[in-house]
N, C-alpha and C. Protein backbone atom coordinates (compact mmCIF):
# COMPACT_ATOMS: atom_id res chain seq x y z
N MET A 1 20.40 -10.54 115.65
CA MET A 1 21.37 -11.59 115.36
C MET A 1 20.61 -12.89 115.10
N ASP A 2 20.90 -13.53 113.98
CA ASP A 2 20.29 -14.81 113.64
C ASP A 2 20.95 -15.88 114.51
N ALA A 3 20.22 -16.33 115.55
CA ALA A 3 20.80 -17.15 116.61
C ALA A 3 21.44 -18.45 116.12
N VAL A 4 20.80 -19.15 115.19
CA VAL A 4 21.29 -20.46 114.80
C VAL A 4 22.52 -20.37 113.89
N SER A 5 22.65 -19.32 113.11
CA SER A 5 23.73 -19.25 112.14
C SER A 5 24.97 -18.52 112.65
N ARG A 6 24.98 -18.02 113.88
CA ARG A 6 26.13 -17.28 114.41
C ARG A 6 26.99 -18.16 115.28
N VAL A 7 28.26 -18.20 114.96
CA VAL A 7 29.22 -19.00 115.71
C VAL A 7 30.30 -18.06 116.23
N ILE A 8 30.64 -18.20 117.51
CA ILE A 8 31.68 -17.37 118.12
C ILE A 8 32.63 -18.27 118.90
N ASN A 9 33.80 -17.74 119.22
CA ASN A 9 34.76 -18.45 120.05
C ASN A 9 34.81 -17.79 121.42
N LEU A 10 34.65 -18.60 122.47
CA LEU A 10 34.80 -18.11 123.83
C LEU A 10 36.24 -18.35 124.26
N VAL A 11 36.82 -17.39 124.94
CA VAL A 11 38.20 -17.50 125.42
C VAL A 11 38.20 -18.18 126.78
N ASP A 12 39.00 -19.23 126.93
CA ASP A 12 39.20 -19.88 128.22
C ASP A 12 40.27 -19.08 128.95
N VAL A 13 39.93 -18.52 130.10
CA VAL A 13 40.84 -17.65 130.84
C VAL A 13 42.14 -18.36 131.20
N ASP A 14 42.06 -19.63 131.58
CA ASP A 14 43.25 -20.38 131.98
C ASP A 14 43.99 -21.01 130.81
N ARG A 15 43.30 -21.16 129.68
CA ARG A 15 43.90 -21.77 128.49
C ARG A 15 43.55 -20.94 127.26
N PRO A 16 44.16 -19.75 127.10
CA PRO A 16 43.79 -18.86 126.00
C PRO A 16 43.97 -19.47 124.62
N GLY A 17 44.81 -20.46 124.47
CA GLY A 17 45.02 -21.12 123.19
C GLY A 17 44.00 -22.19 122.88
N GLU A 18 43.04 -22.42 123.78
CA GLU A 18 42.03 -23.46 123.60
C GLU A 18 40.63 -22.86 123.68
N PRO A 19 40.21 -22.10 122.66
CA PRO A 19 38.87 -21.50 122.70
C PRO A 19 37.78 -22.56 122.54
N LEU A 20 36.58 -22.20 122.96
CA LEU A 20 35.42 -23.07 122.80
C LEU A 20 34.50 -22.44 121.76
N GLU A 21 34.28 -23.14 120.66
CA GLU A 21 33.38 -22.64 119.63
C GLU A 21 31.94 -22.95 120.03
N VAL A 22 31.08 -21.93 120.01
CA VAL A 22 29.68 -22.08 120.40
C VAL A 22 28.78 -21.35 119.41
N GLU A 23 27.52 -21.75 119.42
CA GLU A 23 26.50 -21.07 118.62
C GLU A 23 25.71 -20.15 119.54
N VAL A 24 25.52 -18.92 119.12
CA VAL A 24 24.75 -17.95 119.91
C VAL A 24 23.27 -18.25 119.74
N GLU A 25 22.59 -18.46 120.87
CA GLU A 25 21.15 -18.69 120.83
C GLU A 25 20.38 -17.40 121.08
N GLN A 26 20.89 -16.61 122.03
CA GLN A 26 20.22 -15.35 122.37
C GLN A 26 21.24 -14.43 123.03
N ILE A 27 21.09 -13.14 122.78
CA ILE A 27 22.00 -12.18 123.38
C ILE A 27 21.23 -10.94 123.82
N SER A 28 21.55 -10.46 125.01
CA SER A 28 20.99 -9.21 125.52
C SER A 28 22.15 -8.40 126.10
N GLN A 29 21.86 -7.25 126.66
CA GLN A 29 22.92 -6.44 127.24
C GLN A 29 23.62 -7.14 128.40
N ALA A 30 22.91 -8.01 129.11
CA ALA A 30 23.47 -8.64 130.31
C ALA A 30 23.74 -10.13 130.17
N ILE A 31 23.04 -10.83 129.27
CA ILE A 31 23.14 -12.29 129.19
C ILE A 31 23.39 -12.75 127.76
N LEU A 32 24.32 -13.68 127.62
CA LEU A 32 24.62 -14.32 126.35
C LEU A 32 24.34 -15.81 126.52
N SER A 33 23.34 -16.32 125.81
CA SER A 33 23.00 -17.75 125.86
C SER A 33 23.60 -18.45 124.66
N VAL A 34 24.34 -19.53 124.92
CA VAL A 34 25.05 -20.24 123.85
C VAL A 34 24.80 -21.73 123.94
N ALA A 35 25.07 -22.41 122.82
CA ALA A 35 24.98 -23.87 122.74
C ALA A 35 26.27 -24.39 122.13
N VAL A 36 26.74 -25.52 122.63
CA VAL A 36 27.93 -26.17 122.08
C VAL A 36 27.47 -27.04 120.92
N PRO A 37 28.00 -26.80 119.70
CA PRO A 37 27.54 -27.56 118.53
C PRO A 37 27.67 -29.08 118.71
N ASN A 38 26.71 -29.79 118.15
CA ASN A 38 26.68 -31.26 118.14
C ASN A 38 26.56 -31.87 119.53
N THR A 39 26.05 -31.11 120.50
CA THR A 39 25.80 -31.62 121.85
C THR A 39 24.46 -31.07 122.33
N PHE A 40 24.08 -31.46 123.53
CA PHE A 40 22.89 -30.90 124.17
C PHE A 40 23.28 -29.82 125.18
N VAL A 41 24.54 -29.44 125.21
CA VAL A 41 25.06 -28.49 126.21
C VAL A 41 24.70 -27.06 125.84
N ARG A 42 24.08 -26.38 126.81
CA ARG A 42 23.73 -24.97 126.68
C ARG A 42 24.10 -24.30 128.00
N PHE A 43 24.59 -23.05 127.92
CA PHE A 43 24.87 -22.31 129.14
C PHE A 43 24.85 -20.82 128.88
N GLU A 44 24.91 -20.04 129.95
CA GLU A 44 24.83 -18.60 129.85
C GLU A 44 26.09 -17.94 130.38
N LEU A 45 26.44 -16.84 129.75
CA LEU A 45 27.50 -15.98 130.23
C LEU A 45 26.83 -14.65 130.58
N ARG A 46 27.31 -14.00 131.63
CA ARG A 46 26.70 -12.75 132.09
C ARG A 46 27.74 -11.65 132.19
N ARG A 47 27.27 -10.40 132.14
CA ARG A 47 28.17 -9.27 132.36
C ARG A 47 27.47 -8.19 133.17
N ARG A 48 28.28 -7.42 133.92
CA ARG A 48 27.75 -6.39 134.81
C ARG A 48 27.29 -5.16 134.06
N ASP A 49 28.04 -4.76 133.03
CA ASP A 49 27.69 -3.54 132.29
C ASP A 49 28.23 -3.65 130.87
N MET A 50 27.97 -2.64 130.07
CA MET A 50 28.33 -2.66 128.65
C MET A 50 29.84 -2.61 128.40
N GLU A 51 30.63 -2.19 129.38
CA GLU A 51 32.07 -2.08 129.20
C GLU A 51 32.83 -3.36 129.56
N THR A 52 32.17 -4.33 130.17
CA THR A 52 32.84 -5.55 130.59
C THR A 52 32.46 -6.72 129.68
N PRO A 53 33.33 -7.72 129.56
CA PRO A 53 33.00 -8.89 128.74
C PRO A 53 31.99 -9.80 129.46
N TYR A 54 31.33 -10.64 128.68
CA TYR A 54 30.48 -11.68 129.26
C TYR A 54 31.39 -12.70 129.91
N GLU A 55 30.97 -13.29 131.04
CA GLU A 55 31.75 -14.29 131.75
C GLU A 55 30.84 -15.44 132.18
N GLY A 56 31.37 -16.65 132.14
CA GLY A 56 30.62 -17.81 132.59
C GLY A 56 31.51 -19.03 132.66
N SER A 57 30.99 -20.08 133.29
CA SER A 57 31.79 -21.29 133.43
C SER A 57 31.00 -22.51 132.97
N LEU A 58 31.76 -23.53 132.59
CA LEU A 58 31.19 -24.79 132.15
C LEU A 58 32.21 -25.88 132.44
N GLY A 59 31.82 -26.86 133.23
CA GLY A 59 32.68 -28.01 133.50
C GLY A 59 34.04 -27.66 134.07
N GLY A 60 34.10 -26.68 134.94
CA GLY A 60 35.37 -26.31 135.55
C GLY A 60 36.21 -25.36 134.73
N ARG A 61 35.74 -25.00 133.56
CA ARG A 61 36.45 -24.03 132.72
C ARG A 61 35.74 -22.69 132.78
N PHE A 62 36.50 -21.60 132.82
CA PHE A 62 35.95 -20.26 132.92
C PHE A 62 36.15 -19.54 131.59
N PHE A 63 35.05 -19.09 130.99
CA PHE A 63 35.09 -18.48 129.67
C PHE A 63 34.71 -17.01 129.70
N MET A 64 35.25 -16.28 128.72
CA MET A 64 34.92 -14.87 128.54
C MET A 64 34.64 -14.62 127.07
N PHE A 65 33.78 -13.62 126.82
CA PHE A 65 33.51 -13.18 125.46
C PHE A 65 33.37 -11.67 125.48
N ASP A 66 34.18 -11.00 124.68
CA ASP A 66 34.14 -9.54 124.59
C ASP A 66 33.58 -9.16 123.22
N PRO A 67 32.33 -8.65 123.18
CA PRO A 67 31.73 -8.29 121.89
C PRO A 67 32.54 -7.25 121.12
N ALA A 68 33.32 -6.44 121.82
CA ALA A 68 34.15 -5.43 121.15
C ALA A 68 35.22 -6.08 120.28
N LYS A 69 35.56 -7.33 120.57
CA LYS A 69 36.57 -8.07 119.80
C LYS A 69 35.93 -9.17 118.96
N LEU A 70 34.67 -8.97 118.59
CA LEU A 70 33.88 -9.99 117.92
C LEU A 70 34.43 -10.36 116.54
N VAL A 71 34.56 -11.68 116.34
CA VAL A 71 34.86 -12.25 115.03
C VAL A 71 33.80 -13.30 114.79
N VAL A 72 32.90 -13.03 113.85
CA VAL A 72 31.76 -13.92 113.61
C VAL A 72 31.98 -14.71 112.33
N LYS A 73 31.69 -16.02 112.41
CA LYS A 73 31.75 -16.88 111.23
C LYS A 73 30.33 -17.39 110.99
N LYS A 74 29.96 -17.53 109.73
CA LYS A 74 28.68 -18.16 109.42
C LYS A 74 28.92 -19.64 109.27
N ARG A 75 28.11 -20.46 109.95
CA ARG A 75 28.23 -21.91 109.88
C ARG A 75 27.53 -22.39 108.60
N ALA A 76 28.16 -23.30 107.90
CA ALA A 76 27.58 -23.86 106.69
C ALA A 76 26.32 -24.63 107.03
N LYS A 77 25.31 -24.49 106.21
CA LYS A 77 24.05 -25.23 106.44
C LYS A 77 24.24 -26.67 106.02
N ALA A 78 23.70 -27.57 106.86
CA ALA A 78 23.85 -29.00 106.60
C ALA A 78 22.78 -29.49 105.65
């Protein structure tokens, strides 16, 4: 996966209508490292096994990402 050009939406568990758009920096079977565009914010989501979604929190919000439901957009180059 080309880390800089991949953009995904993380689902906020408490606010499903307010996803957080992030850029994927690195992904493995257990850890998903992401960056929030136009900020210095970076964080990780983790999962126990291949059947569960990645989970993580940022600023009091709890996010999930399920690769099985992946919708990837390519970000336009500036």
